[in-house]
Amino acid sequence: VEIADDQMINAAEYEQVLNWLYDTEQAETDLQLKATCAPHYFRVMRMRRADDKRKGIYKTLPASHDRQVNGHPHGQMHAATKGCLAGTGVTFVSHRGEIFPCGYLPVEAGNVRKQAFGDIWQNSPLFAELRNPDLLEGKCGACQFKSLCSGCRARAYGITGNYLAEEPFCAYQPETREIVLHA
């Protein structure tokens, strides 16, 4: 799907939306929010919580937020606590049996009409690459949040043609650990 450049938000605007989402969830503790296809929300959340703690601010987290920040009760990452799930926690099966990492990433991992789903899920080279954060390129590959976030693989593919490329709408710079808010 083609989207005109003037209709897309830039990385700085995306960062502002993610911070607004964080602030809204903090203020509205009865409201449970889930950022869908916004993997770097988990980075924003971690950074904001760490900043609050450095300032001596301790807040009671909404139940959904606590799960997102602290992960699974047994310390494991899962779909509610991790960023991009393409090929790692979700998959998309087309009406023709084609298996894709998600509904937005048009790279085929296999076809259930030719191969068992479990075999594709376990053995697809595409899924193996998506499950290895050490293969991420650009600033995503250098980022300390790559296992938590991993950027949106579909957006990386849509902009660059490479699903392992850096997330194009992330304002975070891992080298300096700063947020760059310019267009």
Protein backbone atom coordinates (compact mmCIF):
# COMPACT_ATOMS: atom_id res chain seq x y z
CA VAL A 1 0.00 0.00 0.00
CA GLU A 2 1.49 3.32 -1.07
CA ILE A 3 1.22 6.16 1.43
CA ALA A 4 2.11 9.69 0.40
CA ASP A 5 5.05 11.13 2.31
CA ASP A 6 2.99 14.16 3.33
CA GLN A 7 0.48 11.85 5.05
CA MET A 8 3.02 10.06 7.26
CA ILE A 9 4.20 11.33 10.59
CA ASN A 10 7.94 11.65 11.09
CA ALA A 11 10.06 10.08 13.84
CA ALA A 12 9.76 13.14 16.11
CA GLU A 13 5.95 13.16 15.81
CA TYR A 14 5.88 9.40 16.41
CA GLU A 15 7.94 9.89 19.58
CA GLN A 16 5.49 12.57 20.75
CA VAL A 17 2.54 10.22 20.21
CA LEU A 18 4.27 7.44 22.17
CA ASN A 19 4.99 9.82 25.05
CA TRP A 20 1.38 11.02 24.96
CA LEU A 21 0.28 7.37 25.16
CA TYR A 22 2.54 6.82 28.17
CA ASP A 23 1.25 9.97 29.92
CA THR A 24 -2.37 9.00 29.19
CA GLU A 25 -1.93 5.53 30.63
CA GLN A 26 -0.25 6.99 33.72
CA ALA A 27 -3.09 9.48 34.26
CA GLU A 28 -5.92 7.07 33.46
CA THR A 29 -5.07 4.01 35.55
CA ASP A 30 -8.43 2.37 34.80
CA LEU A 31 -7.73 2.57 31.08
CA GLN A 32 -5.68 -0.29 29.66
CA LEU A 33 -3.84 0.67 26.50
CA LYS A 34 -1.91 -1.56 24.11
CA ALA A 35 0.30 0.08 21.53
CA THR A 36 -0.19 -2.04 18.41
CA CYS A 37 2.59 -1.99 15.81
CA ALA A 38 4.48 0.56 17.90
CA PRO A 39 7.40 -1.53 19.15
CA HIS A 40 9.45 1.38 20.39
CA TYR A 41 6.69 2.24 22.87
CA PHE A 42 8.38 -0.31 25.11
CA ARG A 43 11.62 1.67 24.89
CA VAL A 44 9.76 4.90 25.70
CA MET A 45 8.12 3.20 28.67
CA ARG A 46 11.40 1.85 30.05
CA MET A 47 13.18 5.16 29.59
CA ARG A 48 10.39 7.20 31.19
CA ARG A 49 10.15 4.84 34.18
CA ALA A 50 13.94 4.95 34.66
CA ASP A 51 13.90 8.76 34.42
CA ASP A 52 11.12 8.96 37.02
CA LYS A 53 13.08 6.69 39.37
CA ARG A 54 16.21 8.84 38.98
CA LYS A 55 14.10 11.84 39.98
CA GLY A 56 12.72 9.96 42.99
CA ILE A 57 9.25 9.67 41.47
CA TYR A 58 7.59 6.34 42.15
CA LYS A 59 4.14 5.73 40.70
CA THR A 60 1.74 2.87 41.03
CA LEU A 61 1.50 1.34 37.59
CA PRO A 62 -1.74 0.35 35.93
CA ALA A 63 -1.99 -3.44 35.78
CA SER A 64 -1.43 -3.52 32.01
CA HIS A 65 1.56 -1.20 32.31
CA ASP A 66 3.14 -3.26 35.07
CA ARG A 67 2.94 -6.35 32.85
CA GLN A 68 4.51 -4.43 29.98
CA VAL A 69 7.35 -3.01 32.08
CA ASN A 70 8.11 -6.07 34.15
CA GLY A 71 7.26 -8.80 31.67
CA HIS A 72 5.75 -12.14 32.40
CA PRO A 73 5.28 -13.00 36.10
CA HIS A 74 8.09 -15.52 35.67
CA GLY A 75 10.41 -12.98 34.04
CA GLN A 76 9.90 -13.95 30.39
CA MET A 77 9.04 -11.71 27.47
CA HIS A 78 5.74 -12.39 25.71
CA ALA A 79 3.31 -10.68 23.33
CA ALA A 80 2.20 -8.10 25.92
CA THR A 81 5.74 -7.16 26.92
CA LYS A 82 7.68 -7.13 23.67
CA GLY A 83 7.81 -4.84 20.66
CA CYS A 84 7.61 -6.19 17.11
CA LEU A 85 6.08 -9.66 17.06
CA ALA A 86 6.46 -10.34 13.33
CA GLY A 87 7.49 -13.99 13.02
CA THR A 88 8.29 -14.19 16.72
CA GLY A 89 4.87 -14.13 18.36
CA VAL A 90 2.42 -13.76 15.48
CA THR A 91 2.14 -14.79 11.86
CA PHE A 92 -0.29 -14.19 9.02
CA VAL A 93 -1.75 -16.94 6.85
CA SER A 94 -3.22 -15.81 3.53
CA HIS A 95 -6.24 -17.39 1.84
CA ARG A 96 -3.74 -19.12 -0.49
CA GLY A 97 -1.88 -20.70 2.44
CA GLU A 98 1.08 -18.33 2.30
CA ILE A 99 2.72 -17.67 5.66
CA PHE A 100 3.97 -14.14 6.35
CA PRO A 101 5.63 -12.78 9.53
CA CYS A 102 2.71 -10.37 9.96
CA GLY A 103 -0.06 -8.86 7.88
CA TYR A 104 2.13 -5.89 6.98
CA LEU A 105 5.37 -7.64 6.00
CA PRO A 106 4.95 -9.15 2.49
CA VAL A 107 7.86 -11.61 2.63
CA GLU A 108 6.75 -15.24 2.44
CA ALA A 109 8.10 -17.73 4.99
CA GLY A 110 6.37 -20.77 3.47
CA ASN A 111 3.01 -22.16 2.43
CA VAL A 112 0.79 -24.46 4.48
CA ARG A 113 -0.46 -26.11 1.30
CA LYS A 114 3.06 -27.42 0.73
CA GLN A 115 4.49 -27.72 4.24
CA ALA A 116 3.14 -28.17 7.78
CA PHE A 117 2.60 -24.93 9.68
CA GLY A 118 4.69 -26.16 12.62
CA ASP A 119 7.59 -26.93 10.31
CA ILE A 120 7.42 -23.44 8.79
CA TRP A 121 7.11 -21.80 12.22
CA GLN A 122 10.07 -23.73 13.62
CA ASN A 123 12.37 -23.92 10.60
CA SER A 124 11.77 -20.96 8.30
CA PRO A 125 15.04 -19.09 7.65
CA LEU A 126 13.00 -15.86 7.56
CA PHE A 127 11.55 -16.48 11.03
CA ALA A 128 14.99 -17.50 12.33
CA GLU A 129 16.37 -14.14 11.17
CA LEU A 130 13.49 -12.19 12.71
CA ARG A 131 13.99 -14.00 16.01
CA ASN A 132 17.67 -13.05 16.22
CA PRO A 133 18.03 -9.42 17.37
CA ASP A 134 21.78 -9.60 16.72
CA LEU A 135 21.01 -9.55 12.98
CA LEU A 136 19.30 -6.16 13.15
CA GLU A 137 21.11 -3.47 11.20
CA GLY A 138 21.72 0.25 11.61
CA LYS A 139 20.81 1.88 14.87
CA CYS A 140 18.45 -1.00 15.79
CA GLY A 141 21.44 -3.36 15.71
CA ALA A 142 23.39 -1.04 18.03
CA CYS A 143 20.49 -0.33 20.39
CA GLN A 144 20.43 -1.59 23.97
CA PHE A 145 16.64 -2.00 23.61
CA LYS A 146 16.81 -4.27 20.53
CA SER A 147 15.56 -7.38 22.37
CA LEU A 148 12.70 -5.40 23.92
CA CYS A 149 11.70 -3.39 20.86
CA SER A 150 13.43 -4.59 17.67
CA GLY A 151 11.70 -1.85 15.68
CA CYS A 152 8.93 -2.54 13.20
CA ARG A 153 10.26 -5.02 10.67
CA ALA A 154 7.42 -4.23 8.23
CA ARG A 155 8.19 -0.49 8.26
CA ALA A 156 11.89 -1.20 7.80
CA TYR A 157 11.03 -3.38 4.80
CA GLY A 158 8.52 -0.89 3.42
CA ILE A 159 11.02 1.98 3.47
CA THR A 160 14.26 0.15 2.61
CA GLY A 161 13.32 -3.23 1.13
CA ASN A 162 15.26 -4.89 3.99
CA TYR A 163 13.30 -6.27 6.95
CA LEU A 164 16.45 -6.23 9.12
CA ALA A 165 17.16 -2.52 8.48
CA GLU A 166 16.74 0.06 11.24
CA GLU A 167 13.27 1.25 12.26
CA PRO A 168 12.66 4.35 10.11
CA PHE A 169 10.34 6.10 12.59
CA CYS A 170 12.44 5.85 15.74
CA ALA A 171 13.93 9.08 17.09
CA TYR A 172 16.22 7.31 19.56
CA GLN A 173 19.97 7.41 18.90
CA PRO A 174 21.64 4.48 20.73
CA GLU A 175 25.15 5.91 20.32
CA THR A 176 24.33 9.03 22.34
CA ARG A 177 21.29 7.62 24.16
CA GLU A 178 19.38 10.73 23.15
CA ILE A 179 16.06 11.35 21.45
CA VAL A 180 16.49 13.42 18.29
CA LEU A 181 13.34 15.45 17.75
CA HIS A 182 13.87 17.10 14.39
CA ALA A 183 12.13 16.34 11.13
